[in-house]
Protein backbone atom coordinates (compact mmCIF):
# COMPACT_ATOMS: atom_id res chain seq x y z
CA MET A 1 -23.44 14.81 7.20
CA ALA A 2 -20.22 12.84 6.63
CA ALA A 3 -19.94 9.05 4.87
CA LEU A 4 -18.05 6.66 6.86
CA SER A 5 -15.69 4.01 5.08
CA GLU A 6 -16.68 0.44 6.03
CA GLU A 7 -12.66 0.08 6.46
CA CYS A 8 -13.65 3.33 8.92
CA PHE A 9 -16.66 2.24 10.60
CA GLU A 10 -15.00 -1.27 11.58
CA LYS A 11 -11.89 0.26 12.84
CA LEU A 12 -14.28 2.13 14.98
CA LYS A 13 -16.21 -0.55 16.32
CA LYS A 14 -13.08 -2.86 17.05
CA ARG A 15 -12.10 0.67 19.10
CA ALA A 16 -15.70 0.88 21.02
CA LEU A 17 -15.12 -2.84 22.04
CA GLU A 18 -12.17 -2.04 23.41
CA PHE A 19 -12.94 0.58 25.65
CA LEU A 20 -16.03 -1.44 26.60
CA LYS A 21 -13.65 -4.30 28.06
CA LYS A 22 -11.38 -1.79 29.81
CA PRO A 23 -13.33 1.38 30.32
CA SER A 24 -10.70 4.49 31.70
CA SER A 25 -10.26 8.10 30.92
CA ARG A 26 -7.01 7.56 29.69
CA PHE A 27 -8.07 5.34 26.52
CA PHE A 28 -9.02 8.64 25.57
CA GLU A 29 -5.59 10.31 25.36
CA ASN A 30 -3.76 11.49 22.32
CA LYS A 31 -1.23 8.57 21.56
CA ASP A 32 1.25 8.60 18.93
CA LEU A 33 0.19 6.39 16.59
CA GLU A 34 4.12 5.55 15.35
CA GLU A 35 4.94 4.30 18.75
CA ALA A 36 2.13 2.44 19.29
CA LEU A 37 3.03 0.45 15.92
CA LYS A 38 6.46 -0.24 16.80
CA LYS A 39 5.36 -1.50 19.68
CA ARG A 40 2.85 -4.02 18.53
CA TYR A 41 4.53 -4.75 15.03
CA LYS A 42 8.63 -5.43 15.05
CA SER A 43 8.59 -5.55 11.51
CA LEU A 44 6.70 -2.60 10.86
CA LYS A 45 7.36 -0.61 7.65
CA ILE A 46 6.81 3.23 7.29
CA ILE A 47 7.12 5.14 3.93
CA GLU A 48 6.57 8.48 3.53
CA THR A 49 4.36 10.51 1.13
CA ARG A 50 4.41 14.07 0.53
CA THR A 51 2.31 16.45 -1.47
CA GLU A 52 2.22 20.03 -2.42
CA LYS A 53 -1.18 20.04 -2.88
CA GLN A 54 -3.26 22.73 -0.92
CA LYS A 55 -3.07 21.49 2.95
CA GLY A 56 -6.16 19.78 4.75
CA ASP A 57 -8.69 17.70 2.67
CA ILE A 58 -7.62 18.26 -0.64
CA ALA A 59 -3.87 16.96 0.90
CA GLY A 60 -5.03 14.79 2.66
CA SER A 61 -7.24 13.07 0.24
CA LYS A 62 -4.66 12.85 -2.26
CA LEU A 63 -2.32 10.71 0.09
CA LYS A 64 -4.85 8.98 1.48
CA LYS A 65 -5.65 7.95 -2.21
CA PHE A 66 -2.15 7.09 -3.10
CA TYR A 67 -1.63 5.23 0.39
CA GLU A 68 -4.59 2.94 -0.97
CA PHE A 69 -2.77 2.51 -4.58
CA LEU A 70 0.52 2.04 -3.14
CA ALA A 71 -1.46 -1.06 -0.62
CA PHE A 72 -2.20 -2.43 -4.30
CA LYS A 73 0.80 -2.16 -5.68
CA LEU A 74 2.51 -3.90 -2.46
CA SER A 75 -0.42 -6.63 -2.49
CA LYS A 76 1.20 -8.33 -5.85
CA ASP A 77 4.98 -8.89 -4.15
CA PHE A 78 4.24 -9.06 -0.20
CA GLU A 79 1.48 -10.00 1.77
CA LEU A 80 -0.35 -7.46 3.60
CA ILE A 81 -1.04 -8.21 7.66
CA PHE A 82 -1.47 -5.03 8.40
CA LYS A 83 -1.82 -1.45 6.81
CA GLU A 84 -2.98 2.46 8.21
CA PHE A 85 -2.31 5.85 6.82
CA GLU A 86 -1.92 8.91 9.11
CA TYR A 87 -2.14 12.48 7.01
CA ASN A 88 -0.05 15.31 9.07
CA GLU A 89 -1.75 18.51 7.95
CA ASP A 90 1.26 20.85 9.11
CA GLU A 91 3.76 19.01 7.23
CA ASN A 92 1.67 18.16 4.22
CA THR A 93 2.98 14.60 4.89
CA GLY A 94 1.69 11.05 5.21
CA LYS A 95 2.78 8.15 6.77
CA ASN A 96 1.81 4.37 5.42
CA TYR A 97 2.18 2.13 7.84
CA PHE A 98 2.56 -1.62 6.79
CA VAL A 99 3.72 -5.01 7.87
CA LEU A 100 4.61 -7.11 5.00
CA LYS A 101 5.25 -10.69 4.16
CA GLN A 102 7.39 -10.67 1.33
CA LYS A 103 5.98 -13.78 -0.94
CA LYS A 104 8.66 -15.93 -2.75
CA GLU A 105 7.18 -15.66 -6.20
CA ILE A 106 4.35 -13.82 -8.12
CA ILE A 107 2.65 -15.03 -11.04
CA ILE A 108 2.18 -12.62 -14.07
CA ASN A 109 -0.62 -13.03 -16.55
CA GLY A 110 0.01 -12.88 -19.90
CA PRO A 111 -2.02 -13.28 -23.56
CA PRO A 112 -3.52 -16.01 -24.85
CA ILE A 113 -1.40 -18.52 -26.89
CA ILE A 114 -3.42 -17.66 -30.25
CA SER A 115 -2.32 -14.17 -30.08
CA LYS A 116 1.32 -15.07 -31.48
CA GLU A 117 2.66 -11.29 -31.56
CA ASN A 118 1.67 -10.46 -28.17
CA LEU A 119 3.02 -13.86 -26.77
CA GLU A 120 6.46 -13.32 -28.47
CA LYS A 121 6.23 -9.83 -26.58
CA PHE A 122 5.61 -11.25 -23.46
CA LYS A 123 7.88 -14.31 -24.14
CA GLU A 124 11.33 -11.87 -24.58
CA LYS A 125 10.08 -9.97 -21.59
CA HIS A 126 9.35 -12.69 -18.83
CA LYS A 127 11.69 -15.81 -19.33
CA ASN A 128 9.94 -18.03 -16.81
CA LEU A 129 6.95 -18.95 -19.09
CA PHE A 130 4.04 -21.49 -18.63
CA ILE A 131 0.92 -21.79 -20.11
CA LYS A 132 -1.95 -23.24 -18.81
CA GLN A 133 -5.60 -22.98 -20.66
CA GLY A 134 -5.01 -21.79 -23.60
CA LYS A 135 -3.41 -18.67 -21.61
CA ALA A 136 0.36 -17.38 -20.79
CA TYR A 137 1.89 -16.94 -17.32
CA ALA A 138 5.42 -16.14 -15.77
CA LYS A 139 6.68 -17.21 -12.87
CA GLU A 140 8.83 -14.35 -11.40
CA LYS A 141 10.82 -13.75 -8.00
CA SER A 142 8.97 -10.95 -6.01
CA ARG A 143 10.79 -7.52 -5.61
CA ASN A 144 11.99 -5.81 -2.30
CA LEU A 145 10.75 -3.28 -0.83
CA ASN A 146 13.50 -0.83 -2.07
CA GLU A 147 13.15 -1.97 -5.33
CA LEU A 148 8.85 -1.42 -5.20
CA ILE A 149 9.95 2.05 -4.27
CA ASP A 150 11.93 3.13 -6.76
CA SER A 151 9.65 1.64 -9.56
CA LEU A 152 6.96 3.65 -8.24
CA LYS A 153 9.28 6.70 -8.10
CA LYS A 154 9.67 6.31 -12.09
CA ASP A 155 5.81 5.70 -12.27
CA LYS A 156 3.87 8.13 -14.27
CA SER A 157 1.06 7.80 -11.79
CA MET A 158 2.80 9.33 -8.60
CA LYS A 159 2.94 12.53 -10.68
CA GLU A 160 -0.51 12.32 -11.72
CA MET A 161 -1.91 11.48 -8.08
CA GLY A 162 0.11 14.51 -6.96
CA ILE A 163 2.60 13.07 -5.19
CA THR A 164 5.71 14.46 -4.67
CA GLU A 165 8.23 12.44 -2.87
CA ILE A 166 7.92 8.57 -1.26
CA ARG A 167 10.76 7.57 0.81
CA LEU A 168 10.99 4.73 3.21
CA ILE A 169 12.14 5.53 6.85
């Protein structure tokens, strides 16, 4: 028996309730997810990822894991309004769907102020510094989506997760 994640279970419940409100055999027709999402969300962002891992469960799970990592990275600079993942086994790609609201600024945690050496390094890297309850913090402008994707391309985590390509569609 396969396990069902809490997220998938909640989606199933939601879809079941939608069907019960308006039962129809058309409900079960295979709809194009991308088109449906574009109609629903005008500001939909699609990020495609690719892997060279073996097609099927292996590639799908690698792409899904990276989707979760991507959502985590995005949540630092954006409020995630909506997120969804779709695996295309034929092309060995994942489509990551997001509706985002950019944060104006982000707060970066720094070292305790008693750690002089680390505090100096933090000051060099972050200019808009402030101290709160004995700890350093910095305010920075949030990155836009293209900047974030560019930084991910340089991040070793992508390679470690088996992702060979990432691009904004």
